[in-house]
C-alpha atoms as a PDB file:
ATOM      1  CA  MET A   1      21.646 -29.208  41.783  1.00  0.00           C
ATOM      2  CA  LYS A   2      25.221 -28.522  40.804  1.00  0.00           C
ATOM      3  CA  LEU A   3      27.208 -30.694  38.381  1.00  0.00           C
ATOM      4  CA  GLU A   4      29.520 -32.251  40.986  1.00  0.00           C
ATOM      5  CA  GLU A   5      26.608 -33.224  43.220  1.00  0.00           C
ATOM      6  CA  PHE A   6      24.844 -34.782  40.225  1.00  0.00           C
ATOM      7  CA  LYS A   7      27.934 -36.814  39.306  1.00  0.00           C
ATOM      8  CA  GLN A   8      28.378 -38.079  42.877  1.00  0.00           C
ATOM      9  CA  ARG A   9      24.785 -39.227  43.075  1.00  0.00           C
ATOM     10  CA  PHE A  10      24.425 -40.532  39.516  1.00  0.00           C
ATOM     11  CA  TYR A  11      27.589 -42.630  39.359  1.00  0.00           C
ATOM     12  CA  HIS A  12      27.168 -44.564  42.572  1.00  0.00           C
ATOM     13  CA  ALA A  13      26.550 -48.298  42.221  1.00  0.00           C
ATOM     14  CA  ARG A  14      22.891 -48.407  43.261  1.00  0.00           C
ATOM     15  CA  ASN A  15      20.401 -49.946  40.831  1.00  0.00           C
ATOM     16  CA  ILE A  16      17.683 -47.704  39.447  1.00  0.00           C
ATOM     17  CA  THR A  17      14.192 -48.780  40.423  1.00  0.00           C
ATOM     18  CA  PRO A  18      12.016 -48.666  37.307  1.00  0.00           C
ATOM     19  CA  GLU A  19       8.666 -46.922  37.357  1.00  0.00           C
ATOM     20  CA  PRO A  20       5.636 -49.132  36.709  1.00  0.00           C
ATOM     21  CA  ASP A  21       4.915 -49.117  32.992  1.00  0.00           C
ATOM     22  CA  TYR A  22       2.340 -50.569  30.622  1.00  0.00           C
ATOM     23  CA  PRO A  23       2.628 -54.359  30.207  1.00  0.00           C
ATOM     24  CA  LEU A  24       2.764 -55.193  26.519  1.00  0.00           C
ATOM     25  CA  ARG A  25       1.526 -58.527  25.173  1.00  0.00           C
ATOM     26  CA  GLN A  26       4.309 -58.604  22.595  1.00  0.00           C
ATOM     27  CA  LYS A  27       7.650 -56.883  22.247  1.00  0.00           C
ATOM     28  CA  GLY A  28       7.269 -53.133  21.760  1.00  0.00           C
ATOM     29  CA  LYS A  29       8.745 -51.006  18.999  1.00  0.00           C
ATOM     30  CA  PRO A  30      12.216 -49.827  20.042  1.00  0.00           C
ATOM     31  CA  ALA A  31      12.698 -46.113  20.677  1.00  0.00           C
ATOM     32  CA  ALA A  32      15.076 -43.847  22.561  1.00  0.00           C
ATOM     33  CA  VAL A  33      15.031 -40.378  24.075  1.00  0.00           C
ATOM     34  CA  LEU A  34      17.750 -38.079  25.311  1.00  0.00           C
ATOM     35  CA  ILE A  35      17.457 -36.550  28.779  1.00  0.00           C
ATOM     36  CA  PRO A  36      19.605 -33.446  28.255  1.00  0.00           C
ATOM     37  CA  LEU A  37      20.934 -31.931  31.480  1.00  0.00           C
ATOM     38  CA  VAL A  38      22.342 -28.509  30.635  1.00  0.00           C
ATOM     39  CA  MET A  39      25.495 -27.707  32.616  1.00  0.00           C
ATOM     40  CA  ARG A  40      24.644 -24.257  33.949  1.00  0.00           C
ATOM     41  CA  ASP A  41      25.493 -23.014  37.493  1.00  0.00           C
ATOM     42  CA  GLU A  42      22.572 -25.199  38.540  1.00  0.00           C
ATOM     43  CA  LEU A  43      21.784 -28.099  36.201  1.00  0.00           C
ATOM     44  CA  SER A  44      18.633 -27.734  34.137  1.00  0.00           C
ATOM     45  CA  VAL A  45      16.602 -30.225  32.115  1.00  0.00           C
ATOM     46  CA  LEU A  46      15.941 -29.370  28.477  1.00  0.00           C
ATOM     47  CA  LEU A  47      12.427 -30.315  27.339  1.00  0.00           C
ATOM     48  CA  THR A  48      10.350 -29.820  24.213  1.00  0.00           C
ATOM     49  CA  ARG A  49       6.692 -29.204  23.555  1.00  0.00           C
ATOM     50  CA  ARG A  50       5.665 -31.305  20.596  1.00  0.00           C
ATOM     51  CA  ALA A  51       4.110 -29.526  17.625  1.00  0.00           C
ATOM     52  CA  SER A  52       0.372 -28.974  17.997  1.00  0.00           C
ATOM     53  CA  HIS A  53      -0.412 -30.282  14.499  1.00  0.00           C
ATOM     54  CA  LEU A  54       1.057 -33.766  15.072  1.00  0.00           C
ATOM     55  CA  LYS A  55      -1.236 -36.778  14.843  1.00  0.00           C
ATOM     56  CA  HIS A  56       0.145 -38.415  18.018  1.00  0.00           C
ATOM     57  CA  HIS A  57       1.014 -36.708  21.320  1.00  0.00           C
ATOM     58  CA  ALA A  58       0.437 -33.203  19.910  1.00  0.00           C
ATOM     59  CA  GLY A  59       1.356 -30.425  22.336  1.00  0.00           C
ATOM     60  CA  GLN A  60       2.761 -32.805  24.941  1.00  0.00           C
ATOM     61  CA  ILE A  61       5.968 -32.118  26.829  1.00  0.00           C
ATOM     62  CA  SER A  62       8.684 -34.588  25.895  1.00  0.00           C
ATOM     63  CA  PHE A  63      12.365 -35.266  25.633  1.00  0.00           C
ATOM     64  CA  PRO A  64      13.872 -35.239  22.162  1.00  0.00           C
ATOM     65  CA  GLY A  65      13.804 -38.722  20.697  1.00  0.00           C
ATOM     66  CA  GLY A  66      11.778 -41.242  18.789  1.00  0.00           C
ATOM     67  CA  ARG A  67      11.697 -44.622  17.148  1.00  0.00           C
ATOM     68  CA  VAL A  68      14.640 -46.458  15.671  1.00  0.00           C
ATOM     69  CA  ASP A  69      15.485 -45.684  12.053  1.00  0.00           C
ATOM     70  CA  ASP A  70      17.159 -48.116   9.630  1.00  0.00           C
ATOM     71  CA  THR A  71      20.247 -45.873   9.662  1.00  0.00           C
ATOM     72  CA  ASP A  72      20.707 -46.095  13.460  1.00  0.00           C
ATOM     73  CA  ILE A  73      23.413 -48.489  14.627  1.00  0.00           C
ATOM     74  CA  ASP A  74      21.916 -48.655  18.137  1.00  0.00           C
ATOM     75  CA  LEU A  75      19.474 -46.912  20.475  1.00  0.00           C
ATOM     76  CA  LYS A  76      22.082 -44.352  21.512  1.00  0.00           C
ATOM     77  CA  ALA A  77      22.401 -43.349  17.855  1.00  0.00           C
ATOM     78  CA  THR A  78      18.605 -43.029  17.714  1.00  0.00           C
ATOM     79  CA  ALA A  79      18.540 -40.632  20.669  1.00  0.00           C
ATOM     80  CA  LEU A  80      21.351 -38.506  19.227  1.00  0.00           C
ATOM     81  CA  ARG A  81      19.909 -38.426  15.680  1.00  0.00           C
ATOM     82  CA  GLU A  82      16.415 -37.544  16.853  1.00  0.00           C
ATOM     83  CA  THR A  83      17.758 -34.798  19.124  1.00  0.00           C
ATOM     84  CA  GLU A  84      19.665 -33.212  16.265  1.00  0.00           C
ATOM     85  CA  GLU A  85      16.699 -33.547  13.891  1.00  0.00           C
ATOM     86  CA  GLU A  86      14.149 -32.117  16.347  1.00  0.00           C
ATOM     87  CA  ILE A  87      16.029 -29.274  18.012  1.00  0.00           C
ATOM     88  CA  GLY A  88      19.402 -28.976  16.257  1.00  0.00           C
ATOM     89  CA  LEU A  89      21.435 -29.874  19.342  1.00  0.00           C
ATOM     90  CA  LYS A  90      24.764 -31.096  17.956  1.00  0.00           C
ATOM     91  CA  ARG A  91      26.389 -34.323  19.145  1.00  0.00           C
ATOM     92  CA  GLU A  92      29.614 -32.526  20.045  1.00  0.00           C
ATOM     93  CA  ASN A  93      27.704 -30.675  22.804  1.00  0.00           C
ATOM     94  CA  ILE A  94      26.372 -33.938  24.291  1.00  0.00           C
ATOM     95  CA  ASP A  95      28.082 -36.334  26.693  1.00  0.00           C
ATOM     96  CA  ILE A  96      25.927 -39.389  27.377  1.00  0.00           C
ATOM     97  CA  VAL A  97      26.575 -40.508  30.956  1.00  0.00           C
ATOM     98  CA  GLY A  98      24.181 -43.439  31.306  1.00  0.00           C
ATOM     99  CA  THR A  99      20.747 -44.896  30.753  1.00  0.00           C
ATOM    100  CA  LEU A 100      17.615 -45.381  32.787  1.00  0.00           C
ATOM    101  CA  PRO A 101      15.439 -48.514  32.677  1.00  0.00           C
ATOM    102  CA  THR A 102      13.497 -49.058  29.479  1.00  0.00           C
ATOM    103  CA  PHE A 103       9.879 -47.951  29.779  1.00  0.00           C
ATOM    104  CA  ARG A 104       6.967 -49.558  27.910  1.00  0.00           C
ATOM    105  CA  THR A 105       4.223 -47.216  26.749  1.00  0.00           C
ATOM    106  CA  ILE A 106       0.555 -47.705  25.995  1.00  0.00           C
ATOM    107  CA  SER A 107       1.381 -46.728  22.397  1.00  0.00           C
ATOM    108  CA  ARG A 108       3.435 -49.959  22.204  1.00  0.00           C
ATOM    109  CA  TYR A 109       6.957 -48.541  22.375  1.00  0.00           C
ATOM    110  CA  GLU A 110       9.857 -49.694  24.522  1.00  0.00           C
ATOM    111  CA  VAL A 111      11.713 -46.453  25.189  1.00  0.00           C
ATOM    112  CA  THR A 112      15.279 -46.310  26.490  1.00  0.00           C
ATOM    113  CA  PRO A 113      16.186 -42.938  28.059  1.00  0.00           C
ATOM    114  CA  TYR A 114      19.798 -41.747  27.721  1.00  0.00           C
ATOM    115  CA  VAL A 115      20.922 -39.314  30.410  1.00  0.00           C
ATOM    116  CA  SER A 116      23.351 -36.727  29.076  1.00  0.00           C
ATOM    117  CA  LEU A 117      25.294 -33.675  30.123  1.00  0.00           C
ATOM    118  CA  VAL A 118      25.080 -30.822  27.633  1.00  0.00           C
ATOM    119  CA  LYS A 119      27.529 -27.947  27.218  1.00  0.00           C
ATOM    120  CA  PRO A 120      25.534 -24.726  27.569  1.00  0.00           C
ATOM    121  CA  ASP A 121      27.074 -22.987  24.549  1.00  0.00           C
ATOM    122  CA  PHE A 122      24.630 -24.430  22.034  1.00  0.00           C
ATOM    123  CA  ASP A 123      22.458 -22.897  19.347  1.00  0.00           C
ATOM    124  CA  LEU A 124      19.171 -24.666  18.758  1.00  0.00           C
ATOM    125  CA  VAL A 125      17.401 -24.959  15.434  1.00  0.00           C
ATOM    126  CA  ILE A 126      13.839 -26.060  16.140  1.00  0.00           C
ATOM    127  CA  ASN A 127      12.216 -28.296  13.543  1.00  0.00           C
ATOM    128  CA  GLN A 128       8.723 -26.752  13.423  1.00  0.00           C
ATOM    129  CA  ASP A 129       7.358 -29.973  11.894  1.00  0.00           C
ATOM    130  CA  GLU A 130       8.038 -31.742  15.199  1.00  0.00           C
ATOM    131  CA  VAL A 131       8.521 -29.182  17.973  1.00  0.00           C
ATOM    132  CA  ASP A 132       6.714 -25.962  18.963  1.00  0.00           C
ATOM    133  CA  GLN A 133       8.931 -24.960  21.877  1.00  0.00           C
ATOM    134  CA  VAL A 134      12.112 -25.815  23.778  1.00  0.00           C
ATOM    135  CA  PHE A 135      12.509 -24.795  27.413  1.00  0.00           C
ATOM    136  CA  GLU A 136      14.578 -25.587  30.484  1.00  0.00           C
ATOM    137  CA  VAL A 137      13.472 -26.530  33.990  1.00  0.00           C
ATOM    138  CA  PRO A 138      15.789 -26.617  37.014  1.00  0.00           C
ATOM    139  CA  LEU A 139      16.782 -30.247  37.677  1.00  0.00           C
ATOM    140  CA  ALA A 140      16.292 -29.749  41.424  1.00  0.00           C
ATOM    141  CA  THR A 141      12.667 -28.738  40.811  1.00  0.00           C
ATOM    142  CA  VAL A 142      11.630 -31.689  38.649  1.00  0.00           C
ATOM    143  CA  ILE A 143      13.358 -34.346  40.764  1.00  0.00           C
ATOM    144  CA  ASN A 144      11.726 -33.044  43.943  1.00  0.00           C
ATOM    145  CA  HIS A 145       9.148 -35.694  44.906  1.00  0.00           C
ATOM    146  CA  ASP A 146       6.913 -32.993  46.395  1.00  0.00           C
ATOM    147  CA  ASN A 147       6.335 -31.789  42.821  1.00  0.00           C
ATOM    148  CA  HIS A 148       5.244 -35.214  41.512  1.00  0.00           C
ATOM    149  CA  LEU A 149       1.597 -36.114  41.153  1.00  0.00           C
ATOM    150  CA  VAL A 150       0.381 -39.659  40.515  1.00  0.00           C
ATOM    151  CA  HIS A 151      -3.072 -40.469  39.177  1.00  0.00           C
ATOM    152  CA  THR A 152      -4.369 -43.878  38.250  1.00  0.00           C
ATOM    153  CA  VAL A 153      -6.350 -45.009  35.236  1.00  0.00           C
ATOM    154  CA  LYS A 154      -8.201 -48.244  34.705  1.00  0.00           C
ATOM    155  CA  ARG A 155      -7.665 -50.083  31.437  1.00  0.00           C
ATOM    156  CA  ASN A 156      -8.616 -53.688  30.657  1.00  0.00           C
ATOM    157  CA  ASN A 157      -9.603 -54.258  34.294  1.00  0.00           C
ATOM    158  CA  SER A 158      -6.162 -53.205  35.534  1.00  0.00           C
ATOM    159  CA  VAL A 159      -5.063 -50.009  37.234  1.00  0.00           C
ATOM    160  CA  TYR A 160      -2.001 -48.103  35.958  1.00  0.00           C
ATOM    161  CA  PRO A 161      -0.241 -45.018  37.330  1.00  0.00           C
ATOM    162  CA  VAL A 162       0.024 -41.858  35.232  1.00  0.00           C
ATOM    163  CA  TYR A 163       2.614 -39.363  36.427  1.00  0.00           C
ATOM    164  CA  PHE A 164       2.380 -35.557  36.307  1.00  0.00           C
ATOM    165  CA  ILE A 165       4.928 -32.831  37.118  1.00  0.00           C
ATOM    166  CA  PRO A 166       3.643 -29.262  36.795  1.00  0.00           C
ATOM    167  CA  TRP A 167       6.104 -26.547  35.769  1.00  0.00           C
ATOM    168  CA  GLN A 168       4.893 -22.983  35.198  1.00  0.00           C
ATOM    169  CA  GLU A 169       2.353 -23.192  32.342  1.00  0.00           C
ATOM    170  CA  HIS A 170       3.490 -26.701  31.354  1.00  0.00           C
ATOM    171  CA  MET A 171       2.304 -30.105  32.523  1.00  0.00           C
ATOM    172  CA  ILE A 172       4.937 -32.798  32.149  1.00  0.00           C
ATOM    173  CA  TRP A 173       3.190 -36.153  32.208  1.00  0.00           C
ATOM    174  CA  GLY A 174       3.150 -39.759  31.016  1.00  0.00           C
ATOM    175  CA  ALA A 175       6.404 -41.386  29.945  1.00  0.00           C
ATOM    176  CA  THR A 176       8.360 -38.126  30.188  1.00  0.00           C
ATOM    177  CA  ALA A 177       7.334 -37.718  33.830  1.00  0.00           C
ATOM    178  CA  ALA A 178       8.099 -41.410  34.451  1.00  0.00           C
ATOM    179  CA  PHE A 179      11.648 -40.916  33.104  1.00  0.00           C
ATOM    180  CA  ILE A 180      12.103 -37.925  35.420  1.00  0.00           C
ATOM    181  CA  ARG A 181      10.782 -39.972  38.359  1.00  0.00           C
ATOM    182  CA  ALA A 182      13.265 -42.770  37.607  1.00  0.00           C
ATOM    183  CA  LEU A 183      16.090 -40.236  37.471  1.00  0.00           C
ATOM    184  CA  SER A 184      14.794 -38.694  40.700  1.00  0.00           C
ATOM    185  CA  ARG A 185      14.804 -42.056  42.487  1.00  0.00           C
ATOM    186  CA  HIS A 186      18.375 -42.586  41.392  1.00  0.00           C
ATOM    187  CA  LEU A 187      19.554 -39.162  42.529  1.00  0.00           C
ATOM    188  CA  THR A 188      17.687 -38.799  45.826  1.00  0.00           C
END
């Protein structure tokens, strides 16, 4: 998908249909992620593979981001700070163009995804304490519904969807796949 096509589809007035998420009994911990769309000839999505030594979500594919810090003035600041801390992507390369619906996770977070356009002339500095790898996937590939898999799990006598999007040797799943599905619904 080219940049102009993305802009035409993204900025129209339609509401974004949220993906089903995990119903929390109390308010979740606030968090934010950045969905970086790199402005190449064809837009690509920048993703990370979390460090394999982490206690939570080790080795999973994710967007840069995390929980709110006391220094963050808002969730947008959280997404930008975490992105710079995790992969060294500087704020001056990032243009946030909107948000997707907040998504509640089984780990008790309420995550707000920030969709952004990223200038392709960046140098990344990967924080090995948090990230093992950074890679890009063509936007057209991950928003294609034919590439989305949905499985269900039963928890507390309820059934919940778990989303999967395979890409080469990677499996994008869970909240990250749900964010991509929400973006896909908005663009297609």
